[in-house]
C-alpha atoms as a PDB file:
ATOM      1  CA  MET A   1     -26.402 -19.341  -1.725  1.00  0.00           C
ATOM      2  CA  GLN A   2     -25.597 -16.405   0.636  1.00  0.00           C
ATOM      3  CA  LYS A   3     -23.358 -13.868  -0.661  1.00  0.00           C
ATOM      4  CA  SER A   4     -20.053 -13.195   0.968  1.00  0.00           C
ATOM      5  CA  HIS A   5     -19.994 -10.139   3.066  1.00  0.00           C
ATOM      6  CA  LYS A   6     -17.212  -8.574   1.031  1.00  0.00           C
ATOM      7  CA  SER A   7     -19.014  -9.226  -2.065  1.00  0.00           C
ATOM      8  CA  ILE A   8     -21.872  -7.490  -0.770  1.00  0.00           C
ATOM      9  CA  PHE A   9     -19.741  -4.533   0.054  1.00  0.00           C
ATOM     10  CA  LEU A  10     -18.400  -4.484  -3.388  1.00  0.00           C
ATOM     11  CA  SER A  11     -21.937  -4.520  -4.677  1.00  0.00           C
ATOM     12  CA  ILE A  12     -22.836  -1.412  -2.490  1.00  0.00           C
ATOM     13  CA  LEU A  13     -19.951   0.583  -4.087  1.00  0.00           C
ATOM     14  CA  MET A  14     -21.039  -0.605  -7.639  1.00  0.00           C
ATOM     15  CA  LEU A  15     -24.564   0.803  -7.197  1.00  0.00           C
ATOM     16  CA  LEU A  16     -23.462   4.195  -5.757  1.00  0.00           C
ATOM     17  CA  SER A  17     -25.387   7.180  -7.436  1.00  0.00           C
ATOM     18  CA  MET A  18     -23.264   9.929  -8.726  1.00  0.00           C
ATOM     19  CA  VAL A  19     -23.784  12.914  -6.576  1.00  0.00           C
ATOM     20  CA  THR A  20     -21.489  15.995  -5.600  1.00  0.00           C
ATOM     21  CA  ARG A  21     -21.336  17.080  -2.107  1.00  0.00           C
ATOM     22  CA  GLY A  22     -18.090  18.680  -1.627  1.00  0.00           C
ATOM     23  CA  GLU A  23     -16.560  22.041  -2.839  1.00  0.00           C
ATOM     24  CA  VAL A  24     -12.990  22.756  -3.612  1.00  0.00           C
ATOM     25  CA  THR A  25     -11.573  25.409  -1.213  1.00  0.00           C
ATOM     26  CA  ASP A  26      -7.963  26.658  -1.667  1.00  0.00           C
ATOM     27  CA  ASP A  27      -7.389  24.012  -4.017  1.00  0.00           C
ATOM     28  CA  ARG A  28      -8.297  21.271  -1.718  1.00  0.00           C
ATOM     29  CA  LEU A  29     -11.350  19.017  -1.620  1.00  0.00           C
ATOM     30  CA  MET A  30     -11.969  17.520   1.990  1.00  0.00           C
ATOM     31  CA  ILE A  31     -13.346  14.040   2.016  1.00  0.00           C
ATOM     32  CA  GLY A  32     -12.584  13.035   5.461  1.00  0.00           C
ATOM     33  CA  SER A  33     -12.271  16.267   7.798  1.00  0.00           C
ATOM     34  CA  PHE A  34     -11.436  13.762  10.917  1.00  0.00           C
ATOM     35  CA  SER A  35      -9.292  16.479  12.618  1.00  0.00           C
ATOM     36  CA  SER A  36     -12.315  18.905  12.735  1.00  0.00           C
ATOM     37  CA  GLY A  37     -14.261  16.085  14.673  1.00  0.00           C
ATOM     38  CA  LEU A  38     -16.483  15.464  11.602  1.00  0.00           C
ATOM     39  CA  LEU A  39     -17.763  12.112  10.006  1.00  0.00           C
ATOM     40  CA  ASP A  40     -20.153  14.098   7.665  1.00  0.00           C
ATOM     41  CA  ASN A  41     -21.220  11.741   4.660  1.00  0.00           C
ATOM     42  CA  TRP A  42     -19.745   8.701   5.875  1.00  0.00           C
ATOM     43  CA  GLU A  43     -21.847   5.846   6.057  1.00  0.00           C
ATOM     44  CA  ALA A  44     -21.139   2.485   8.047  1.00  0.00           C
ATOM     45  CA  LYS A  45     -21.786  -0.965   6.351  1.00  0.00           C
ATOM     46  CA  GLU A  46     -21.497  -4.034   8.445  1.00  0.00           C
ATOM     47  CA  PHE A  47     -20.921  -7.489   7.021  1.00  0.00           C
ATOM     48  CA  LYS A  48     -19.393  -9.894   9.537  1.00  0.00           C
ATOM     49  CA  GLY A  49     -19.251  -8.349  12.945  1.00  0.00           C
ATOM     50  CA  GLN A  50     -18.389  -4.855  13.537  1.00  0.00           C
ATOM     51  CA  THR A  51     -15.304  -3.046  13.093  1.00  0.00           C
ATOM     52  CA  ARG A  52     -15.375  -0.033  15.584  1.00  0.00           C
ATOM     53  CA  TYR A  53     -14.761   3.212  13.913  1.00  0.00           C
ATOM     54  CA  GLN A  54     -14.588   6.190  16.335  1.00  0.00           C
ATOM     55  CA  LEU A  55     -13.030   9.778  16.472  1.00  0.00           C
ATOM     56  CA  VAL A  56     -10.300   9.751  19.096  1.00  0.00           C
ATOM     57  CA  ASP A  57      -7.680  12.373  20.095  1.00  0.00           C
ATOM     58  CA  LEU A  58      -4.165  11.218  19.491  1.00  0.00           C
ATOM     59  CA  HIS A  59      -1.507  13.359  20.721  1.00  0.00           C
ATOM     60  CA  GLY A  60      -3.560  16.402  20.381  1.00  0.00           C
ATOM     61  CA  THR A  61      -4.947  15.822  17.061  1.00  0.00           C
ATOM     62  CA  GLN A  62      -8.436  14.244  16.252  1.00  0.00           C
ATOM     63  CA  VAL A  63      -8.130  11.100  13.915  1.00  0.00           C
ATOM     64  CA  LEU A  64     -10.334   8.034  13.024  1.00  0.00           C
ATOM     65  CA  LYS A  65      -9.492   4.953  15.009  1.00  0.00           C
ATOM     66  CA  ALA A  66     -10.718   1.369  13.500  1.00  0.00           C
ATOM     67  CA  GLU A  67     -10.454  -1.576  15.823  1.00  0.00           C
ATOM     68  CA  SER A  68     -11.257  -5.031  13.981  1.00  0.00           C
ATOM     69  CA  ILE A  69     -11.546  -8.179  16.189  1.00  0.00           C
ATOM     70  CA  GLY A  70     -12.490 -10.871  13.615  1.00  0.00           C
ATOM     71  CA  SER A  71     -14.912  -8.486  12.070  1.00  0.00           C
ATOM     72  CA  ALA A  72     -15.389  -6.651   8.605  1.00  0.00           C
ATOM     73  CA  SER A  73     -17.181  -3.351   8.222  1.00  0.00           C
ATOM     74  CA  GLY A  74     -16.459  -0.383   6.379  1.00  0.00           C
ATOM     75  CA  LEU A  75     -17.093   3.246   6.218  1.00  0.00           C
ATOM     76  CA  PHE A  76     -17.952   4.656   2.662  1.00  0.00           C
ATOM     77  CA  ASN A  77     -18.523   8.382   1.425  1.00  0.00           C
ATOM     78  CA  GLU A  78     -20.399   8.557  -1.696  1.00  0.00           C
ATOM     79  CA  GLN A  79     -19.124  11.760  -3.556  1.00  0.00           C
ATOM     80  CA  ARG A  80     -18.394  12.775  -7.077  1.00  0.00           C
ATOM     81  CA  ILE A  81     -14.943  13.949  -7.564  1.00  0.00           C
ATOM     82  CA  ASP A  82     -13.670  15.731 -10.633  1.00  0.00           C
ATOM     83  CA  LEU A  83     -10.238  14.428 -11.268  1.00  0.00           C
ATOM     84  CA  GLN A  84      -9.488  17.092 -13.976  1.00  0.00           C
ATOM     85  CA  LYS A  85      -9.532  19.619 -10.996  1.00  0.00           C
ATOM     86  CA  THR A  86      -8.219  17.637  -8.252  1.00  0.00           C
ATOM     87  CA  PRO A  87      -6.474  14.231  -9.203  1.00  0.00           C
ATOM     88  CA  VAL A  88      -4.427  13.922  -6.209  1.00  0.00           C
ATOM     89  CA  MET A  89      -5.637  12.011  -3.059  1.00  0.00           C
ATOM     90  CA  ASN A  90      -3.970  12.756   0.213  1.00  0.00           C
ATOM     91  CA  TRP A  91      -4.077  10.936   3.543  1.00  0.00           C
ATOM     92  CA  ARG A  92      -2.074   9.546   6.378  1.00  0.00           C
ATOM     93  CA  TRP A  93      -2.513   6.439   8.465  1.00  0.00           C
ATOM     94  CA  HIS A  94      -0.815   4.279  10.912  1.00  0.00           C
ATOM     95  CA  ILE A  95      -1.275   0.679  12.155  1.00  0.00           C
ATOM     96  CA  GLU A  96      -0.630  -0.617  15.863  1.00  0.00           C
ATOM     97  CA  ASN A  97      -0.156  -4.248  14.732  1.00  0.00           C
ATOM     98  CA  ARG A  98       0.109  -6.553  12.054  1.00  0.00           C
ATOM     99  CA  LEU A  99      -1.867  -9.764  10.906  1.00  0.00           C
ATOM    100  CA  GLY A 100      -0.489 -13.154  10.726  1.00  0.00           C
ATOM    101  CA  LYS A 101       2.488 -14.144   8.669  1.00  0.00           C
ATOM    102  CA  ASP A 102       0.721 -16.757   6.971  1.00  0.00           C
ATOM    103  CA  ILE A 103      -1.839 -14.989   5.086  1.00  0.00           C
ATOM    104  CA  ASN A 104      -2.111 -15.048   1.398  1.00  0.00           C
ATOM    105  CA  GLU A 105      -3.711 -11.732   0.431  1.00  0.00           C
ATOM    106  CA  GLN A 106      -4.542 -13.216  -3.087  1.00  0.00           C
ATOM    107  CA  VAL A 107      -7.084 -15.475  -2.010  1.00  0.00           C
ATOM    108  CA  LYS A 108     -10.485 -15.024  -0.096  1.00  0.00           C
ATOM    109  CA  SER A 109      -9.263 -16.558   2.984  1.00  0.00           C
ATOM    110  CA  GLY A 110      -6.618 -14.095   3.307  1.00  0.00           C
ATOM    111  CA  ASP A 111      -8.374 -10.945   2.129  1.00  0.00           C
ATOM    112  CA  ASP A 112      -7.836  -9.097   5.311  1.00  0.00           C
ATOM    113  CA  TYR A 113      -5.957  -5.679   5.810  1.00  0.00           C
ATOM    114  CA  ALA A 114      -5.181  -3.681   8.887  1.00  0.00           C
ATOM    115  CA  ALA A 115      -5.812  -0.530   6.858  1.00  0.00           C
ATOM    116  CA  ARG A 116      -7.244   0.099   3.278  1.00  0.00           C
ATOM    117  CA  VAL A 117      -8.653   3.009   1.493  1.00  0.00           C
ATOM    118  CA  TYR A 118     -10.844   2.484  -1.807  1.00  0.00           C
ATOM    119  CA  VAL A 119     -11.289   4.755  -4.829  1.00  0.00           C
ATOM    120  CA  VAL A 120     -14.552   3.781  -6.760  1.00  0.00           C
ATOM    121  CA  VAL A 121     -15.772   4.479 -10.196  1.00  0.00           C
ATOM    122  CA  SER A 122     -19.369   3.192 -10.439  1.00  0.00           C
ATOM    123  CA  GLY A 123     -20.695   1.367 -13.190  1.00  0.00           C
ATOM    124  CA  GLY A 124     -24.256   2.253 -12.087  1.00  0.00           C
ATOM    125  CA  PRO A 125     -26.775  -0.397 -13.511  1.00  0.00           C
ATOM    126  CA  ALA A 126     -23.876  -1.853 -15.527  1.00  0.00           C
ATOM    127  CA  PHE A 127     -22.096  -3.069 -12.426  1.00  0.00           C
ATOM    128  CA  TRP A 128     -19.712  -5.109 -14.298  1.00  0.00           C
ATOM    129  CA  GLN A 129     -18.074  -1.864 -15.687  1.00  0.00           C
ATOM    130  CA  THR A 130     -17.294  -0.578 -11.989  1.00  0.00           C
ATOM    131  CA  LYS A 131     -13.653   0.054 -11.503  1.00  0.00           C
ATOM    132  CA  ALA A 132     -11.891   0.418  -8.231  1.00  0.00           C
ATOM    133  CA  ILE A 133      -8.401   0.901  -6.787  1.00  0.00           C
ATOM    134  CA  ASN A 134      -7.954  -0.433  -3.216  1.00  0.00           C
ATOM    135  CA  TYR A 135      -4.688   0.935  -1.572  1.00  0.00           C
ATOM    136  CA  VAL A 136      -3.822  -1.397   1.261  1.00  0.00           C
ATOM    137  CA  TRP A 137      -1.318  -1.824   4.120  1.00  0.00           C
ATOM    138  CA  SER A 138      -0.166  -5.227   3.294  1.00  0.00           C
ATOM    139  CA  ARG A 139       1.156  -8.032   5.479  1.00  0.00           C
ATOM    140  CA  THR A 140       2.777 -10.354   2.803  1.00  0.00           C
ATOM    141  CA  MET A 141       3.106  -8.230  -0.443  1.00  0.00           C
ATOM    142  CA  PRO A 142       6.019  -5.977  -1.129  1.00  0.00           C
ATOM    143  CA  VAL A 143       5.355  -2.082  -1.683  1.00  0.00           C
ATOM    144  CA  GLY A 144       4.191  -1.519  -5.181  1.00  0.00           C
ATOM    145  CA  LYS A 145       2.709  -4.860  -5.816  1.00  0.00           C
ATOM    146  CA  VAL A 146      -0.468  -4.795  -7.942  1.00  0.00           C
ATOM    147  CA  TRP A 147      -3.034  -7.623  -7.945  1.00  0.00           C
ATOM    148  CA  PRO A 148      -6.856  -8.349  -8.660  1.00  0.00           C
ATOM    149  CA  ASN A 149      -9.115  -8.590  -5.551  1.00  0.00           C
ATOM    150  CA  ALA A 150      -9.890 -12.262  -4.639  1.00  0.00           C
ATOM    151  CA  TYR A 151     -13.656 -11.387  -4.300  1.00  0.00           C
ATOM    152  CA  ALA A 152     -13.875  -9.641  -7.679  1.00  0.00           C
ATOM    153  CA  GLN A 153     -11.796 -11.768 -10.144  1.00  0.00           C
ATOM    154  CA  SER A 154     -14.986 -13.385 -11.640  1.00  0.00           C
ATOM    155  CA  GLY A 155     -17.718 -10.807 -11.224  1.00  0.00           C
ATOM    156  CA  LEU A 156     -15.567  -7.812 -12.194  1.00  0.00           C
ATOM    157  CA  ASN A 157     -13.018  -9.284 -14.469  1.00  0.00           C
ATOM    158  CA  GLY A 158     -10.256  -8.158 -12.261  1.00  0.00           C
ATOM    159  CA  LYS A 159     -11.540  -4.411 -12.440  1.00  0.00           C
ATOM    160  CA  LEU A 160     -11.128  -4.220  -8.521  1.00  0.00           C
ATOM    161  CA  ILE A 161      -7.210  -3.572  -8.336  1.00  0.00           C
ATOM    162  CA  MET A 162      -5.356  -3.971  -5.125  1.00  0.00           C
ATOM    163  CA  ILE A 163      -2.073  -1.951  -4.589  1.00  0.00           C
ATOM    164  CA  ALA A 164       0.290  -2.347  -1.717  1.00  0.00           C
ATOM    165  CA  LEU A 165       1.506   0.985  -0.522  1.00  0.00           C
ATOM    166  CA  ARG A 166       2.831  -0.113   2.937  1.00  0.00           C
ATOM    167  CA  SER A 167       4.050  -3.604   3.711  1.00  0.00           C
ATOM    168  CA  SER A 168       5.633  -5.534   6.711  1.00  0.00           C
ATOM    169  CA  THR A 169       8.824  -3.443   6.213  1.00  0.00           C
ATOM    170  CA  ASP A 170       7.216  -0.409   7.490  1.00  0.00           C
ATOM    171  CA  GLN A 171       6.979   0.527  10.923  1.00  0.00           C
ATOM    172  CA  THR A 172       3.801   0.008  13.167  1.00  0.00           C
ATOM    173  CA  GLY A 173       2.901   2.914  15.530  1.00  0.00           C
ATOM    174  CA  THR A 174       4.410   5.231  13.056  1.00  0.00           C
ATOM    175  CA  TRP A 175       2.347   7.794  10.795  1.00  0.00           C
ATOM    176  CA  TYR A 176       2.823   7.556   6.972  1.00  0.00           C
ATOM    177  CA  SER A 177       1.588  10.264   4.532  1.00  0.00           C
ATOM    178  CA  GLU A 178       0.409   9.135   1.012  1.00  0.00           C
ATOM    179  CA  LYS A 179       0.030  11.115  -2.088  1.00  0.00           C
ATOM    180  CA  ARG A 180      -1.737   9.424  -5.079  1.00  0.00           C
ATOM    181  CA  ASN A 181      -2.513  10.774  -8.508  1.00  0.00           C
ATOM    182  CA  ILE A 182      -5.729   8.946  -8.658  1.00  0.00           C
ATOM    183  CA  TYR A 183      -6.277  10.092 -12.355  1.00  0.00           C
ATOM    184  CA  ASP A 184      -2.738   8.578 -13.268  1.00  0.00           C
ATOM    185  CA  ASP A 185      -3.327   5.427 -11.409  1.00  0.00           C
ATOM    186  CA  LEU A 186      -6.733   4.732 -13.048  1.00  0.00           C
ATOM    187  CA  LYS A 187      -5.324   5.256 -16.516  1.00  0.00           C
ATOM    188  CA  HIS A 188      -2.226   3.143 -15.657  1.00  0.00           C
ATOM    189  CA  GLU A 189      -4.557   0.209 -14.404  1.00  0.00           C
ATOM    190  CA  PHE A 190      -7.373   0.445 -16.680  1.00  0.00           C
ATOM    191  CA  GLY A 191      -6.078   2.072 -19.921  1.00  0.00           C
ATOM    192  CA  GLU A 192      -8.674   4.762 -19.970  1.00  0.00           C
ATOM    193  CA  ASP A 193      -8.917   8.321 -19.119  1.00  0.00           C
ATOM    194  CA  ILE A 194     -11.413   8.689 -16.362  1.00  0.00           C
ATOM    195  CA  ARG A 195     -12.694  12.096 -15.112  1.00  0.00           C
ATOM    196  CA  TYR A 196     -14.694  11.213 -12.330  1.00  0.00           C
ATOM    197  CA  LEU A 197     -14.694   9.295  -8.936  1.00  0.00           C
ATOM    198  CA  ASP A 198     -18.011   8.299  -7.324  1.00  0.00           C
ATOM    199  CA  ALA A 199     -16.921   7.254  -3.723  1.00  0.00           C
ATOM    200  CA  VAL A 200     -13.998   6.909  -1.222  1.00  0.00           C
ATOM    201  CA  ALA A 201     -14.293   3.962   1.171  1.00  0.00           C
ATOM    202  CA  ILE A 202     -12.188   2.796   4.391  1.00  0.00           C
ATOM    203  CA  MET A 203     -12.121  -0.442   5.673  1.00  0.00           C
ATOM    204  CA  SER A 204     -10.042  -2.305   8.354  1.00  0.00           C
ATOM    205  CA  ASP A 205     -10.937  -5.955   8.464  1.00  0.00           C
ATOM    206  CA  SER A 206      -9.723  -9.225  10.097  1.00  0.00           C
ATOM    207  CA  ASP A 207     -12.625 -11.790   9.674  1.00  0.00           C
ATOM    208  CA  ASP A 208     -11.128 -14.102   7.230  1.00  0.00           C
ATOM    209  CA  SER A 209      -7.957 -14.618   9.541  1.00  0.00           C
ATOM    210  CA  GLN A 210      -9.738 -14.086  12.755  1.00  0.00           C
ATOM    211  CA  GLY A 211      -7.224 -11.853  13.830  1.00  0.00           C
ATOM    212  CA  LYS A 212      -7.203  -8.419  15.556  1.00  0.00           C
ATOM    213  CA  VAL A 213      -5.968  -5.163  14.011  1.00  0.00           C
ATOM    214  CA  THR A 214      -5.944  -1.464  15.145  1.00  0.00           C
ATOM    215  CA  ALA A 215      -5.273   1.380  12.737  1.00  0.00           C
ATOM    216  CA  TYR A 216      -5.732   5.073  12.584  1.00  0.00           C
ATOM    217  CA  TYR A 217      -6.602   7.284   9.429  1.00  0.00           C
ATOM    218  CA  GLY A 218      -5.797  11.060   9.382  1.00  0.00           C
ATOM    219  CA  ASP A 219      -7.782  13.461   7.057  1.00  0.00           C
ATOM    220  CA  ILE A 220      -8.196  12.461   3.645  1.00  0.00           C
ATOM    221  CA  TYR A 221      -8.386  15.194   0.674  1.00  0.00           C
ATOM    222  CA  PHE A 222      -8.022  15.707  -2.895  1.00  0.00           C
ATOM    223  CA  SER A 223      -5.796  18.501  -4.422  1.00  0.00           C
ATOM    224  CA  LYS A 224      -4.586  19.645  -7.707  1.00  0.00           C
ATOM    225  CA  ASN A 225      -1.033  18.469  -6.982  1.00  0.00           C
END
C-alpha cells in the first residue's frame, strides 16, 4: 500500500540528523530570515501537487508567500536548536482566506490548514520516539485546542500534537505575531524536559479538502524570552 503524502512528510521529519547551522546573535537565533530575501537551509518536499512558496514584497517588507490549490508540500529547516539558550520561537503570519466550514480537522480527510508551523524533536532511528508540535491556523477548532494529528495517531502514539493558535475568529488579511516558549510547550505536552529541537517546518496545504488558500509567513527566530 502506498503511503499517504503526509505520512511521508512525517517520516522525513523523523529521520532528520542532528546538526547545528545557526549562531545566536544578540540573543536571537534566526531560522527564517525572509525579510532579508533568504531561504537558506529551507528544503522543499512535494507530496501531492505543489504548494507554491516564494519570497515577495508585501507593503515594503519581504515575506514568504504560500499558495495551495488542492496541493500539499512543505518547507523544512533542519537545524539543532538549544532550548536552554533560546527557548522562545517568534514569528508572524496571516492568511488571505479560509478553507471550508465542514472540515473535520481531527480526521485525515480534514487535515488541511491555511498555515502551520512545526517544531520537531527527532527520534532518529527510533522513529517512534519522534515528538512534534504543529501550531496551526485552524478553521474549526477554538484557539488553545490541542489534539493528536490524524496521520500520526497510530504510528507515533499521539506524539505529533496539534495546537490551534489562530481560528475562524481571527481576521483574514491581518498580520498576527506569535511568541511560544517551545521548551515549556514540549514539557507540558510530553511530560519531559527536552533540551534540543532538530527542525522547524512550514506547510500550507489544501489537498484533502481540495480547497485553495494563500498565506504569508514573516521571519522566524528563537530568543531567550
